[in-house]
Amino acid sequence: MDPIVQRSLRALLVTVAVAMALVIGPAPAPHAAPAGGAQRREAAAPTTSNAYESRILQLVNAERTRRGLRPLRPWACADGFAERWSAYLARSKVLKHQSMATIMRSCRARTVGENIGYGAVSADAMVRLWMGSSAHRRNILNPTFAYIGLGAVNSGGHWYAVQEFMAF
């Protein structure tokens, strides 16, 4: 990889790309997946993906409720896409969005959005970076979204994090 590109990738903590999709048709009523300990406090940077993801969910929902929005609920289909995509990003060492059309079709969602991020940062810092980006903040605070999937993989001390947002 070109050294300039590699340095840029290391310096990049959060991408400012957001993918939104259009309506593809009616969907069945969703069933919420378990939160997986989302109320846990972070004393130090989490060392496992589950702890990192749980902390992100807790922080994202705190941002939403602070603004009068309902908390996002975990959704198994969204979580599967987020988990697989974060693993792909970590393996490939690239930051790019996946196909929102595929997610919409597979999860039967009306609307979807995706945030991706990268960095040697805590879950708290990752959420602060997303909230500092207007495009990422729009997804987090979109009142249409009711469900979320989270994926996070640590590779070489750097986290590759993915949020999949959905509305039905």
Protein backbone atom coordinates (compact mmCIF):
# COMPACT_ATOMS: atom_id res chain seq x y z
CA MET A 1 0.00 0.00 0.00
CA ASP A 2 1.22 3.49 -0.83
CA PRO A 3 2.79 5.08 2.32
CA ILE A 4 0.74 8.27 1.87
CA VAL A 5 -2.48 6.30 1.67
CA GLN A 6 -1.41 4.20 4.65
CA ARG A 7 -0.67 7.33 6.75
CA SER A 8 -3.99 8.82 5.72
CA LEU A 9 -5.80 5.65 6.71
CA ARG A 10 -4.11 5.67 10.12
CA ALA A 11 -5.00 9.32 10.64
CA LEU A 12 -8.59 8.78 9.64
CA LEU A 13 -10.67 8.10 12.73
CA VAL A 14 -14.09 8.31 11.20
CA THR A 15 -15.37 8.37 7.67
CA VAL A 16 -17.93 10.99 6.78
CA ALA A 17 -19.82 8.84 4.35
CA VAL A 18 -23.36 7.78 5.11
CA ALA A 19 -25.47 5.49 3.04
CA MET A 20 -29.21 5.93 3.03
CA ALA A 21 -31.65 3.90 0.98
CA LEU A 22 -35.23 4.23 -0.22
CA VAL A 23 -38.39 2.28 0.44
CA ILE A 24 -38.53 -1.21 -1.06
CA GLY A 25 -41.90 -2.35 0.28
CA PRO A 26 -43.68 -3.48 3.42
CA ALA A 27 -41.90 -5.55 6.03
CA PRO A 28 -43.06 -7.80 8.83
CA ALA A 29 -43.04 -6.52 12.39
CA PRO A 30 -39.49 -6.78 13.77
CA HIS A 31 -38.47 -8.69 16.89
CA ALA A 32 -35.87 -7.10 19.13
CA ALA A 33 -32.68 -8.97 19.92
CA PRO A 34 -31.24 -8.90 23.45
CA ALA A 35 -29.23 -5.82 24.34
CA GLY A 36 -26.23 -7.85 25.49
CA GLY A 37 -25.42 -5.86 28.62
CA ALA A 38 -25.80 -2.41 27.12
CA GLN A 39 -26.08 -0.77 30.55
CA ARG A 40 -22.49 -1.61 31.54
CA ARG A 41 -20.25 1.32 32.49
CA GLU A 42 -16.83 1.60 30.90
CA ALA A 43 -14.12 1.88 33.56
CA ALA A 44 -11.37 1.40 30.98
CA ALA A 45 -11.30 0.82 27.24
CA PRO A 46 -13.13 -2.45 26.52
CA THR A 47 -10.93 -5.28 25.37
CA THR A 48 -13.66 -7.39 23.80
CA SER A 49 -15.92 -6.68 20.86
CA ASN A 50 -19.06 -7.32 22.93
CA ALA A 51 -18.04 -4.79 25.58
CA TYR A 52 -17.10 -2.22 22.92
CA GLU A 53 -20.40 -2.71 21.08
CA SER A 54 -22.43 -2.58 24.30
CA ARG A 55 -20.78 0.66 25.31
CA ILE A 56 -21.49 2.19 21.88
CA LEU A 57 -25.16 1.21 22.21
CA GLN A 58 -25.34 2.73 25.68
CA LEU A 59 -23.75 6.00 24.50
CA VAL A 60 -25.81 6.26 21.31
CA ASN A 61 -29.02 5.73 23.27
CA ALA A 62 -27.93 8.35 25.81
CA GLU A 63 -27.46 10.84 22.95
CA ARG A 64 -30.91 9.99 21.59
CA THR A 65 -32.78 10.13 24.90
CA ARG A 66 -31.06 13.40 25.83
CA ARG A 67 -32.77 14.84 22.73
CA GLY A 68 -36.17 13.28 23.41
CA LEU A 69 -35.77 10.41 20.91
CA ARG A 70 -36.60 6.81 21.69
CA PRO A 71 -33.64 4.49 22.30
CA LEU A 72 -32.56 2.19 19.49
CA ARG A 73 -33.21 -1.51 20.01
CA PRO A 74 -30.84 -4.23 18.83
CA TRP A 75 -32.04 -6.15 15.78
CA ALA A 76 -30.49 -9.52 14.91
CA CYS A 77 -30.48 -9.02 11.13
CA ALA A 78 -28.79 -5.62 11.41
CA ASP A 79 -26.34 -7.02 13.94
CA GLY A 80 -25.32 -9.80 11.57
CA PHE A 81 -24.50 -7.31 8.82
CA ALA A 82 -22.58 -5.06 11.23
CA GLU A 83 -20.59 -7.96 12.67
CA ARG A 84 -19.65 -9.35 9.27
CA TRP A 85 -18.77 -5.93 7.87
CA SER A 86 -16.56 -4.92 10.79
CA ALA A 87 -14.68 -8.22 10.41
CA TYR A 88 -14.29 -7.59 6.68
CA LEU A 89 -12.98 -4.05 7.29
CA ALA A 90 -10.46 -5.35 9.83
CA ARG A 91 -9.26 -8.10 7.48
CA SER A 92 -9.01 -5.88 4.42
CA LYS A 93 -7.72 -2.79 6.28
CA VAL A 94 -10.00 -0.53 4.25
CA LEU A 95 -12.92 1.71 5.13
CA LYS A 96 -15.87 1.54 2.80
CA HIS A 97 -19.61 1.09 3.05
CA GLN A 98 -21.44 -2.05 2.10
CA SER A 99 -24.53 -2.27 -0.09
CA MET A 100 -27.54 -0.77 1.66
CA ALA A 101 -29.81 -2.39 -0.93
CA THR A 102 -28.63 -5.85 0.18
CA ILE A 103 -29.26 -5.01 3.83
CA MET A 104 -32.71 -3.62 3.08
CA ARG A 105 -33.68 -6.66 1.05
CA SER A 106 -32.27 -9.20 3.52
CA CYS A 107 -33.65 -7.53 6.64
CA ARG A 108 -36.84 -6.35 4.92
CA ALA A 109 -36.24 -2.83 6.21
CA ARG A 110 -37.93 0.29 4.83
CA THR A 111 -34.94 2.55 5.51
CA VAL A 112 -31.34 1.85 6.52
CA GLY A 113 -28.23 3.84 7.33
CA GLU A 114 -24.66 2.91 8.16
CA ASN A 115 -21.84 4.49 10.15
CA ILE A 116 -18.33 3.09 9.99
CA GLY A 117 -15.33 4.17 12.00
CA TYR A 118 -11.71 3.29 12.62
CA GLY A 119 -9.17 4.19 15.23
CA ALA A 120 -7.14 3.32 18.30
CA VAL A 121 -9.89 4.83 20.41
CA SER A 122 -12.29 3.83 23.16
CA ALA A 123 -15.98 3.30 22.45
CA ASP A 124 -16.61 6.66 24.14
CA ALA A 125 -14.19 8.40 21.77
CA MET A 126 -15.64 6.61 18.73
CA VAL A 127 -19.14 7.86 19.59
CA ARG A 128 -17.79 11.38 20.21
CA LEU A 129 -16.16 11.30 16.77
CA TRP A 130 -19.39 10.13 15.13
CA MET A 131 -21.34 12.82 16.97
CA GLY A 132 -18.79 15.38 15.77
CA SER A 133 -19.56 14.49 12.15
CA SER A 134 -22.83 15.90 10.81
CA ALA A 135 -23.45 12.91 8.54
CA HIS A 136 -22.85 10.32 11.26
CA ARG A 137 -24.78 12.36 13.84
CA ARG A 138 -27.75 12.47 11.41
CA ASN A 139 -27.91 8.67 11.43
CA ILE A 140 -27.56 8.42 15.22
CA LEU A 141 -30.25 11.04 15.82
CA ASN A 142 -32.60 10.10 12.97
CA PRO A 143 -36.02 9.76 14.61
CA THR A 144 -37.13 7.32 11.90
CA PHE A 145 -34.60 4.69 12.99
CA ALA A 146 -35.80 2.34 15.71
CA TYR A 147 -33.30 -0.53 15.46
CA ILE A 148 -29.54 -0.91 15.38
CA GLY A 149 -26.92 -3.55 14.70
CA LEU A 150 -23.36 -3.18 15.98
CA GLY A 151 -20.07 -4.74 15.01
CA ALA A 152 -16.58 -4.01 16.31
CA VAL A 153 -13.30 -5.77 15.68
CA ASN A 154 -9.95 -4.85 17.20
CA SER A 155 -7.02 -5.43 14.87
CA GLY A 156 -3.56 -4.38 15.95
CA GLY A 157 -4.94 -2.05 18.62
CA HIS A 158 -7.31 -0.30 16.20
CA TRP A 159 -11.06 -0.70 16.27
CA TYR A 160 -13.14 -1.14 13.12
CA ALA A 161 -16.68 -0.26 14.18
CA VAL A 162 -19.93 -0.51 12.23
CA GLN A 163 -23.43 0.70 13.06
CA GLU A 164 -26.41 -0.43 10.97
CA PHE A 165 -29.58 1.60 11.55
CA MET A 166 -33.03 0.40 10.47
CA ALA A 167 -36.65 1.42 10.24
CA PHE A 168 -39.55 -0.86 9.29
